[in-house]
């Protein structure tokens, strides 16, 4: 994995969105809703569990260790627009 794709910061937002800053400085929002049908990510449907997302080795990681790859985060990151 290229180091510039690694997640530097991650913040869960309402409606299964993640605010992400990558190591290369890009910031944006990752919409997890399109992945919630997958068995591996089904636990994220619970908002309380979803709010526990963190970073492990540059990936968005849930408490049990299941993750969203840094490359996926980088590819699907929607740029933040200034208010």
PDB file of N, CA and C in Angstrom:
ATOM      1  N   UNK A   1       0.841  -1.180   0.000  1.00  0.00           N
ATOM      2  CA  UNK A   1       0.000   0.000   0.000  1.00  0.00           C
ATOM      3  C   UNK A   1       0.878   1.231   0.000  1.00  0.00           C
ATOM      4  N   UNK A   2       0.653   2.151  -0.927  1.00  0.00           N
ATOM      5  CA  UNK A   2       1.388   3.408  -0.889  1.00  0.00           C
ATOM      6  C   UNK A   2       1.057   4.171   0.392  1.00  0.00           C
ATOM      7  N   UNK A   3       2.078   4.697   1.029  1.00  0.00           N
ATOM      8  CA  UNK A   3       1.895   5.386   2.304  1.00  0.00           C
ATOM      9  C   UNK A   3       0.973   6.595   2.180  1.00  0.00           C
ATOM     10  N   UNK A   4       0.934   7.227   1.009  1.00  0.00           N
ATOM     11  CA  UNK A   4       0.103   8.426   0.859  1.00  0.00           C
ATOM     12  C   UNK A   4      -1.387   8.105   0.838  1.00  0.00           C
ATOM     13  N   UNK A   5      -1.769   6.830   0.691  1.00  0.00           N
ATOM     14  CA  UNK A   5      -3.179   6.449   0.725  1.00  0.00           C
ATOM     15  C   UNK A   5      -3.661   6.130   2.136  1.00  0.00           C
ATOM     16  N   UNK A   6      -2.755   5.982   3.055  1.00  0.00           N
ATOM     17  CA  UNK A   6      -3.124   5.611   4.419  1.00  0.00           C
ATOM     18  C   UNK A   6      -3.975   6.696   5.064  1.00  0.00           C
ATOM     19  N   UNK A   7      -4.957   6.265   5.852  1.00  0.00           N
ATOM     20  CA  UNK A   7      -5.766   7.212   6.607  1.00  0.00           C
ATOM     21  C   UNK A   7      -4.934   7.769   7.756  1.00  0.00           C
ATOM     22  N   UNK A   8      -4.955   9.084   7.876  1.00  0.00           N
ATOM     23  CA  UNK A   8      -4.240   9.768   8.958  1.00  0.00           C
ATOM     24  C   UNK A   8      -5.207  10.058  10.113  1.00  0.00           C
ATOM     25  N   UNK A   9      -6.398  10.531   9.760  1.00  0.00           N
ATOM     26  CA  UNK A   9      -7.448  10.754  10.751  1.00  0.00           C
ATOM     27  C   UNK A   9      -8.761  10.234  10.185  1.00  0.00           C
ATOM     28  N   UNK A  10      -9.645   9.857  11.082  1.00  0.00           N
ATOM     29  CA  UNK A  10     -10.966   9.384  10.663  1.00  0.00           C
ATOM     30  C   UNK A  10     -11.970   9.774  11.733  1.00  0.00           C
ATOM     31  N   UNK A  11     -13.132  10.240  11.282  1.00  0.00           N
ATOM     32  CA  UNK A  11     -14.164  10.673  12.214  1.00  0.00           C
ATOM     33  C   UNK A  11     -15.506  10.172  11.699  1.00  0.00           C
ATOM     34  N   UNK A  12     -16.207   9.351  12.492  1.00  0.00           N
ATOM     35  CA  UNK A  12     -17.533   8.908  12.069  1.00  0.00           C
ATOM     36  C   UNK A  12     -18.519  10.075  12.104  1.00  0.00           C
ATOM     37  N   UNK A  13     -19.350  10.157  11.083  1.00  0.00           N
ATOM     38  CA  UNK A  13     -20.384  11.179  10.973  1.00  0.00           C
ATOM     39  C   UNK A  13     -21.745  10.486  10.907  1.00  0.00           C
ATOM     40  N   UNK A  14     -22.825  11.216  11.098  1.00  0.00           N
ATOM     41  CA  UNK A  14     -24.151  10.601  10.972  1.00  0.00           C
ATOM     42  C   UNK A  14     -24.357  10.015   9.575  1.00  0.00           C
ATOM     43  N   UNK A  15     -25.325   9.105   9.495  1.00  0.00           N
ATOM     44  CA  UNK A  15     -25.738   8.511   8.225  1.00  0.00           C
ATOM     45  C   UNK A  15     -24.638   7.663   7.576  1.00  0.00           C
ATOM     46  N   UNK A  16     -23.806   7.041   8.388  1.00  0.00           N
ATOM     47  CA  UNK A  16     -22.751   6.121   7.931  1.00  0.00           C
ATOM     48  C   UNK A  16     -21.732   6.779   6.998  1.00  0.00           C
ATOM     49  N   UNK A  17     -21.378   7.998   7.325  1.00  0.00           N
ATOM     50  CA  UNK A  17     -20.328   8.699   6.590  1.00  0.00           C
ATOM     51  C   UNK A  17     -19.080   8.768   7.466  1.00  0.00           C
ATOM     52  N   UNK A  18     -17.939   8.741   6.829  1.00  0.00           N
ATOM     53  CA  UNK A  18     -16.661   8.878   7.528  1.00  0.00           C
ATOM     54  C   UNK A  18     -15.931  10.087   6.976  1.00  0.00           C
ATOM     55  N   UNK A  19     -15.532  10.997   7.838  1.00  0.00           N
ATOM     56  CA  UNK A  19     -14.668  12.100   7.427  1.00  0.00           C
ATOM     57  C   UNK A  19     -13.235  11.585   7.558  1.00  0.00           C
ATOM     58  N   UNK A  20     -12.502  11.644   6.464  1.00  0.00           N
ATOM     59  CA  UNK A  20     -11.177  11.029   6.407  1.00  0.00           C
ATOM     60  C   UNK A  20     -10.144  12.044   5.943  1.00  0.00           C
ATOM     61  N   UNK A  21      -8.975  12.006   6.568  1.00  0.00           N
ATOM     62  CA  UNK A  21      -7.805  12.729   6.067  1.00  0.00           C
ATOM     63  C   UNK A  21      -6.751  11.678   5.743  1.00  0.00           C
ATOM     64  N   UNK A  22      -6.250  11.727   4.515  1.00  0.00           N
ATOM     65  CA  UNK A  22      -5.224  10.784   4.085  1.00  0.00           C
ATOM     66  C   UNK A  22      -3.836  11.354   4.360  1.00  0.00           C
ATOM     67  N   UNK A  23      -2.849  10.488   4.358  1.00  0.00           N
ATOM     68  CA  UNK A  23      -1.469  10.897   4.618  1.00  0.00           C
ATOM     69  C   UNK A  23      -0.971  11.896   3.586  1.00  0.00           C
ATOM     70  N   UNK A  24      -1.559  11.892   2.375  1.00  0.00           N
ATOM     71  CA  UNK A  24      -1.131  12.840   1.337  1.00  0.00           C
ATOM     72  C   UNK A  24      -1.780  14.215   1.499  1.00  0.00           C
ATOM     73  N   UNK A  25      -2.608  14.377   2.552  1.00  0.00           N
ATOM     74  CA  UNK A  25      -3.228  15.667   2.831  1.00  0.00           C
ATOM     75  C   UNK A  25      -4.642  15.809   2.298  1.00  0.00           C
ATOM     76  N   UNK A  26      -5.084  14.890   1.442  1.00  0.00           N
ATOM     77  CA  UNK A  26      -6.459  14.979   0.946  1.00  0.00           C
ATOM     78  C   UNK A  26      -7.429  14.701   2.079  1.00  0.00           C
ATOM     79  N   UNK A  27      -8.524  15.455   2.085  1.00  0.00           N
ATOM     80  CA  UNK A  27      -9.582  15.279   3.070  1.00  0.00           C
ATOM     81  C   UNK A  27     -10.893  15.118   2.341  1.00  0.00           C
ATOM     82  N   UNK A  28     -11.755  14.307   2.912  1.00  0.00           N
ATOM     83  CA  UNK A  28     -13.045  14.123   2.287  1.00  0.00           C
ATOM     84  C   UNK A  28     -13.937  13.225   3.104  1.00  0.00           C
ATOM     85  N   UNK A  29     -15.029  12.821   2.467  1.00  0.00           N
ATOM     86  CA  UNK A  29     -16.031  11.984   3.108  1.00  0.00           C
ATOM     87  C   UNK A  29     -16.132  10.674   2.336  1.00  0.00           C
ATOM     88  N   UNK A  30     -16.156   9.583   3.080  1.00  0.00           N
ATOM     89  CA  UNK A  30     -16.343   8.253   2.519  1.00  0.00           C
ATOM     90  C   UNK A  30     -17.726   7.785   2.942  1.00  0.00           C
ATOM     91  N   UNK A  31     -18.558   7.406   1.974  1.00  0.00           N
ATOM     92  CA  UNK A  31     -19.920   6.957   2.233  1.00  0.00           C
ATOM     93  C   UNK A  31     -19.919   5.437   2.367  1.00  0.00           C
ATOM     94  N   UNK A  32     -20.142   4.964   3.572  1.00  0.00           N
ATOM     95  CA  UNK A  32     -20.106   3.531   3.843  1.00  0.00           C
ATOM     96  C   UNK A  32     -21.418   2.828   3.493  1.00  0.00           C
ATOM     97  N   UNK A  33     -22.489   3.576   3.265  1.00  0.00           N
ATOM     98  CA  UNK A  33     -23.799   2.959   3.053  1.00  0.00           C
ATOM     99  C   UNK A  33     -23.799   1.928   1.926  1.00  0.00           C
ATOM    100  N   UNK A  34     -23.051   2.169   0.876  1.00  0.00           N
ATOM    101  CA  UNK A  34     -23.067   1.236  -0.261  1.00  0.00           C
ATOM    102  C   UNK A  34     -22.429  -0.111   0.070  1.00  0.00           C
ATOM    103  N   UNK A  35     -21.747  -0.219   1.203  1.00  0.00           N
ATOM    104  CA  UNK A  35     -21.088  -1.464   1.603  1.00  0.00           C
ATOM    105  C   UNK A  35     -21.798  -2.197   2.739  1.00  0.00           C
ATOM    106  N   UNK A  36     -22.838  -1.609   3.293  1.00  0.00           N
ATOM    107  CA  UNK A  36     -23.475  -2.188   4.468  1.00  0.00           C
ATOM    108  C   UNK A  36     -24.184  -3.511   4.194  1.00  0.00           C
ATOM    109  N   UNK A  37     -24.430  -3.840   2.940  1.00  0.00           N
ATOM    110  CA  UNK A  37     -25.059  -5.121   2.599  1.00  0.00           C
ATOM    111  C   UNK A  37     -24.061  -6.281   2.675  1.00  0.00           C
ATOM    112  N   UNK A  38     -22.761  -5.972   2.683  1.00  0.00           N
ATOM    113  CA  UNK A  38     -21.741  -7.018   2.737  1.00  0.00           C
ATOM    114  C   UNK A  38     -21.682  -7.636   4.130  1.00  0.00           C
ATOM    115  N   UNK A  39     -21.662  -8.964   4.215  1.00  0.00           N
ATOM    116  CA  UNK A  39     -21.622  -9.605   5.530  1.00  0.00           C
ATOM    117  C   UNK A  39     -20.461  -9.120   6.406  1.00  0.00           C
ATOM    118  N   UNK A  40     -19.314  -8.877   5.826  1.00  0.00           N
ATOM    119  CA  UNK A  40     -18.145  -8.466   6.607  1.00  0.00           C
ATOM    120  C   UNK A  40     -18.325  -7.095   7.254  1.00  0.00           C
ATOM    121  N   UNK A  41     -19.170  -6.255   6.687  1.00  0.00           N
ATOM    122  CA  UNK A  41     -19.356  -4.905   7.224  1.00  0.00           C
ATOM    123  C   UNK A  41     -20.731  -4.698   7.843  1.00  0.00           C
ATOM    124  N   UNK A  42     -21.518  -5.762   7.950  1.00  0.00           N
ATOM    125  CA  UNK A  42     -22.880  -5.658   8.475  1.00  0.00           C
ATOM    126  C   UNK A  42     -22.921  -5.073   9.888  1.00  0.00           C
ATOM    127  N   UNK A  43     -21.919  -5.341  10.706  1.00  0.00           N
ATOM    128  CA  UNK A  43     -21.915  -4.816  12.082  1.00  0.00           C
ATOM    129  C   UNK A  43     -21.931  -3.295  12.100  1.00  0.00           C
ATOM    130  N   UNK A  44     -21.415  -2.666  11.047  1.00  0.00           N
ATOM    131  CA  UNK A  44     -21.399  -1.203  10.980  1.00  0.00           C
ATOM    132  C   UNK A  44     -22.806  -0.613  10.836  1.00  0.00           C
ATOM    133  N   UNK A  45     -23.819  -1.436  10.547  1.00  0.00           N
ATOM    134  CA  UNK A  45     -25.187  -0.923  10.457  1.00  0.00           C
ATOM    135  C   UNK A  45     -25.638  -0.319  11.779  1.00  0.00           C
ATOM    136  N   UNK A  46     -25.124  -0.855  12.877  1.00  0.00           N
ATOM    137  CA  UNK A  46     -25.437  -0.333  14.203  1.00  0.00           C
ATOM    138  C   UNK A  46     -24.655   0.960  14.415  1.00  0.00           C
ATOM    139  N   UNK A  47     -25.364   2.072  14.597  1.00  0.00           N
ATOM    140  CA  UNK A  47     -24.714   3.384  14.715  1.00  0.00           C
ATOM    141  C   UNK A  47     -23.737   3.456  15.889  1.00  0.00           C
ATOM    142  N   UNK A  48     -24.087   2.836  17.006  1.00  0.00           N
ATOM    143  CA  UNK A  48     -23.187   2.867  18.163  1.00  0.00           C
ATOM    144  C   UNK A  48     -21.883   2.137  17.849  1.00  0.00           C
ATOM    145  N   UNK A  49     -21.985   1.035  17.158  1.00  0.00           N
ATOM    146  CA  UNK A  49     -20.792   0.276  16.775  1.00  0.00           C
ATOM    147  C   UNK A  49     -19.999   1.048  15.723  1.00  0.00           C
ATOM    148  N   UNK A  50     -20.713   1.612  14.756  1.00  0.00           N
ATOM    149  CA  UNK A  50     -20.085   2.405  13.699  1.00  0.00           C
ATOM    150  C   UNK A  50     -19.269   3.552  14.294  1.00  0.00           C
ATOM    151  N   UNK A  51     -19.765   4.160  15.366  1.00  0.00           N
ATOM    152  CA  UNK A  51     -19.071   5.312  15.962  1.00  0.00           C
ATOM    153  C   UNK A  51     -17.735   4.925  16.589  1.00  0.00           C
ATOM    154  N   UNK A  52     -17.458   3.618  16.714  1.00  0.00           N
ATOM    155  CA  UNK A  52     -16.201   3.149  17.296  1.00  0.00           C
ATOM    156  C   UNK A  52     -15.107   2.925  16.254  1.00  0.00           C
ATOM    157  N   UNK A  53     -15.367   3.269  15.002  1.00  0.00           N
ATOM    158  CA  UNK A  53     -14.371   3.061  13.954  1.00  0.00           C
ATOM    159  C   UNK A  53     -13.083   3.816  14.299  1.00  0.00           C
ATOM    160  N   UNK A  54     -11.963   3.217  13.962  1.00  0.00           N
ATOM    161  CA  UNK A  54     -10.667   3.829  14.223  1.00  0.00           C
ATOM    162  C   UNK A  54      -9.720   3.540  13.069  1.00  0.00           C
ATOM    163  N   UNK A  55      -8.441   3.742  13.288  1.00  0.00           N
ATOM    164  CA  UNK A  55      -7.432   3.512  12.254  1.00  0.00           C
ATOM    165  C   UNK A  55      -6.438   2.475  12.760  1.00  0.00           C
ATOM    166  N   UNK A  56      -6.152   1.510  11.916  1.00  0.00           N
ATOM    167  CA  UNK A  56      -5.115   0.533  12.188  1.00  0.00           C
ATOM    168  C   UNK A  56      -4.367   0.301  10.888  1.00  0.00           C
ATOM    169  N   UNK A  57      -3.090   0.588  10.887  1.00  0.00           N
ATOM    170  CA  UNK A  57      -2.244   0.423   9.686  1.00  0.00           C
ATOM    171  C   UNK A  57      -2.811   1.155   8.480  1.00  0.00           C
ATOM    172  N   UNK A  58      -3.369   2.340   8.712  1.00  0.00           N
ATOM    173  CA  UNK A  58      -3.861   3.185   7.628  1.00  0.00           C
ATOM    174  C   UNK A  58      -5.241   2.849   7.128  1.00  0.00           C
ATOM    175  N   UNK A  59      -5.886   1.845   7.709  1.00  0.00           N
ATOM    176  CA  UNK A  59      -7.221   1.429   7.280  1.00  0.00           C
ATOM    177  C   UNK A  59      -8.270   1.864   8.295  1.00  0.00           C
ATOM    178  N   UNK A  60      -9.490   2.125   7.806  1.00  0.00           N
ATOM    179  CA  UNK A  60     -10.621   2.363   8.696  1.00  0.00           C
ATOM    180  C   UNK A  60     -10.986   1.011   9.287  1.00  0.00           C
ATOM    181  N   UNK A  61     -10.891   0.881  10.596  1.00  0.00           N
ATOM    182  CA  UNK A  61     -11.006  -0.426  11.239  1.00  0.00           C
ATOM    183  C   UNK A  61     -12.057  -0.410  12.340  1.00  0.00           C
ATOM    184  N   UNK A  62     -12.889  -1.434  12.350  1.00  0.00           N
ATOM    185  CA  UNK A  62     -13.876  -1.548  13.419  1.00  0.00           C
ATOM    186  C   UNK A  62     -13.251  -2.283  14.599  1.00  0.00           C
ATOM    187  N   UNK A  63     -13.885  -2.262  15.767  1.00  0.00           N
ATOM    188  CA  UNK A  63     -13.271  -2.836  16.965  1.00  0.00           C
ATOM    189  C   UNK A  63     -12.835  -4.295  16.848  1.00  0.00           C
ATOM    190  N   UNK A  64     -13.518  -5.104  16.043  1.00  0.00           N
ATOM    191  CA  UNK A  64     -13.128  -6.511  15.937  1.00  0.00           C
ATOM    192  C   UNK A  64     -12.019  -6.751  14.912  1.00  0.00           C
ATOM    193  N   UNK A  65     -11.528  -5.682  14.290  1.00  0.00           N
ATOM    194  CA  UNK A  65     -10.404  -5.797  13.372  1.00  0.00           C
ATOM    195  C   UNK A  65     -10.761  -5.774  11.899  1.00  0.00           C
ATOM    196  N   UNK A  66     -12.038  -5.966  11.536  1.00  0.00           N
ATOM    197  CA  UNK A  66     -12.438  -5.880  10.126  1.00  0.00           C
ATOM    198  C   UNK A  66     -12.180  -4.451   9.649  1.00  0.00           C
ATOM    199  N   UNK A  67     -11.680  -4.312   8.400  1.00  0.00           N
ATOM    200  CA  UNK A  67     -11.336  -2.965   7.958  1.00  0.00           C
ATOM    201  C   UNK A  67     -11.813  -2.647   6.561  1.00  0.00           C
ATOM    202  N   UNK A  68     -11.679  -1.376   6.219  1.00  0.00           N
ATOM    203  CA  UNK A  68     -11.902  -0.874   4.865  1.00  0.00           C
ATOM    204  C   UNK A  68     -10.534  -0.444   4.378  1.00  0.00           C
ATOM    205  N   UNK A  69     -10.069  -1.057   3.321  1.00  0.00           N
ATOM    206  CA  UNK A  69      -8.710  -0.858   2.828  1.00  0.00           C
ATOM    207  C   UNK A  69      -8.426   0.607   2.515  1.00  0.00           C
ATOM    208  N   UNK A  70      -7.206   1.056   2.797  1.00  0.00           N
ATOM    209  CA  UNK A  70      -6.824   2.434   2.477  1.00  0.00           C
ATOM    210  C   UNK A  70      -7.025   2.775   1.000  1.00  0.00           C
ATOM    211  N   UNK A  71      -6.770   1.831   0.110  1.00  0.00           N
ATOM    212  CA  UNK A  71      -6.954   2.094  -1.322  1.00  0.00           C
ATOM    213  C   UNK A  71      -8.417   2.382  -1.641  1.00  0.00           C
ATOM    214  N   UNK A  72      -9.334   1.667  -0.989  1.00  0.00           N
ATOM    215  CA  UNK A  72     -10.768   1.907  -1.194  1.00  0.00           C
ATOM    216  C   UNK A  72     -11.149   3.276  -0.655  1.00  0.00           C
ATOM    217  N   UNK A  73     -10.657   3.617   0.525  1.00  0.00           N
ATOM    218  CA  UNK A  73     -10.927   4.948   1.073  1.00  0.00           C
ATOM    219  C   UNK A  73     -10.457   6.031   0.113  1.00  0.00           C
ATOM    220  N   UNK A  74      -9.236   5.898  -0.387  1.00  0.00           N
ATOM    221  CA  UNK A  74      -8.654   6.911  -1.263  1.00  0.00           C
ATOM    222  C   UNK A  74      -9.419   7.017  -2.579  1.00  0.00           C
ATOM    223  N   UNK A  75      -9.805   5.881  -3.139  1.00  0.00           N
ATOM    224  CA  UNK A  75     -10.486   5.864  -4.430  1.00  0.00           C
ATOM    225  C   UNK A  75     -11.863   6.504  -4.370  1.00  0.00           C
ATOM    226  N   UNK A  76     -12.571   6.284  -3.273  1.00  0.00           N
ATOM    227  CA  UNK A  76     -13.961   6.737  -3.185  1.00  0.00           C
ATOM    228  C   UNK A  76     -14.151   7.977  -2.314  1.00  0.00           C
ATOM    229  N   UNK A  77     -13.079   8.614  -1.938  1.00  0.00           N
ATOM    230  CA  UNK A  77     -13.166   9.811  -1.106  1.00  0.00           C
ATOM    231  C   UNK A  77     -13.823  10.949  -1.875  1.00  0.00           C
ATOM    232  N   UNK A  78     -14.863  11.524  -1.295  1.00  0.00           N
ATOM    233  CA  UNK A  78     -15.547  12.675  -1.885  1.00  0.00           C
ATOM    234  C   UNK A  78     -14.984  13.920  -1.223  1.00  0.00           C
ATOM    235  N   UNK A  79     -14.449  14.816  -2.007  1.00  0.00           N
ATOM    236  CA  UNK A  79     -13.785  16.005  -1.478  1.00  0.00           C
ATOM    237  C   UNK A  79     -14.712  16.825  -0.587  1.00  0.00           C
ATOM    238  N   UNK A  80     -14.125  17.367   0.489  1.00  0.00           N
ATOM    239  CA  UNK A  80     -14.863  18.294   1.353  1.00  0.00           C
ATOM    240  C   UNK A  80     -14.892  19.646   0.675  1.00  0.00           C
ATOM    241  N   UNK A  81     -16.027  20.281   0.708  1.00  0.00           N
ATOM    242  CA  UNK A  81     -16.151  21.612   0.112  1.00  0.00           C
ATOM    243  C   UNK A  81     -16.284  22.626   1.230  1.00  0.00           C
ATOM    244  N   UNK A  82     -15.547  23.729   1.157  1.00  0.00           N
ATOM    245  CA  UNK A  82     -15.659  24.765   2.188  1.00  0.00           C
ATOM    246  C   UNK A  82     -17.091  25.271   2.285  1.00  0.00           C
ATOM    247  N   UNK A  83     -17.535  25.558   3.503  1.00  0.00           N
ATOM    248  CA  UNK A  83     -18.916  26.044   3.716  1.00  0.00           C
ATOM    249  C   UNK A  83     -19.043  27.480   3.295  1.00  0.00           C
TER     250      UNK A  83
END
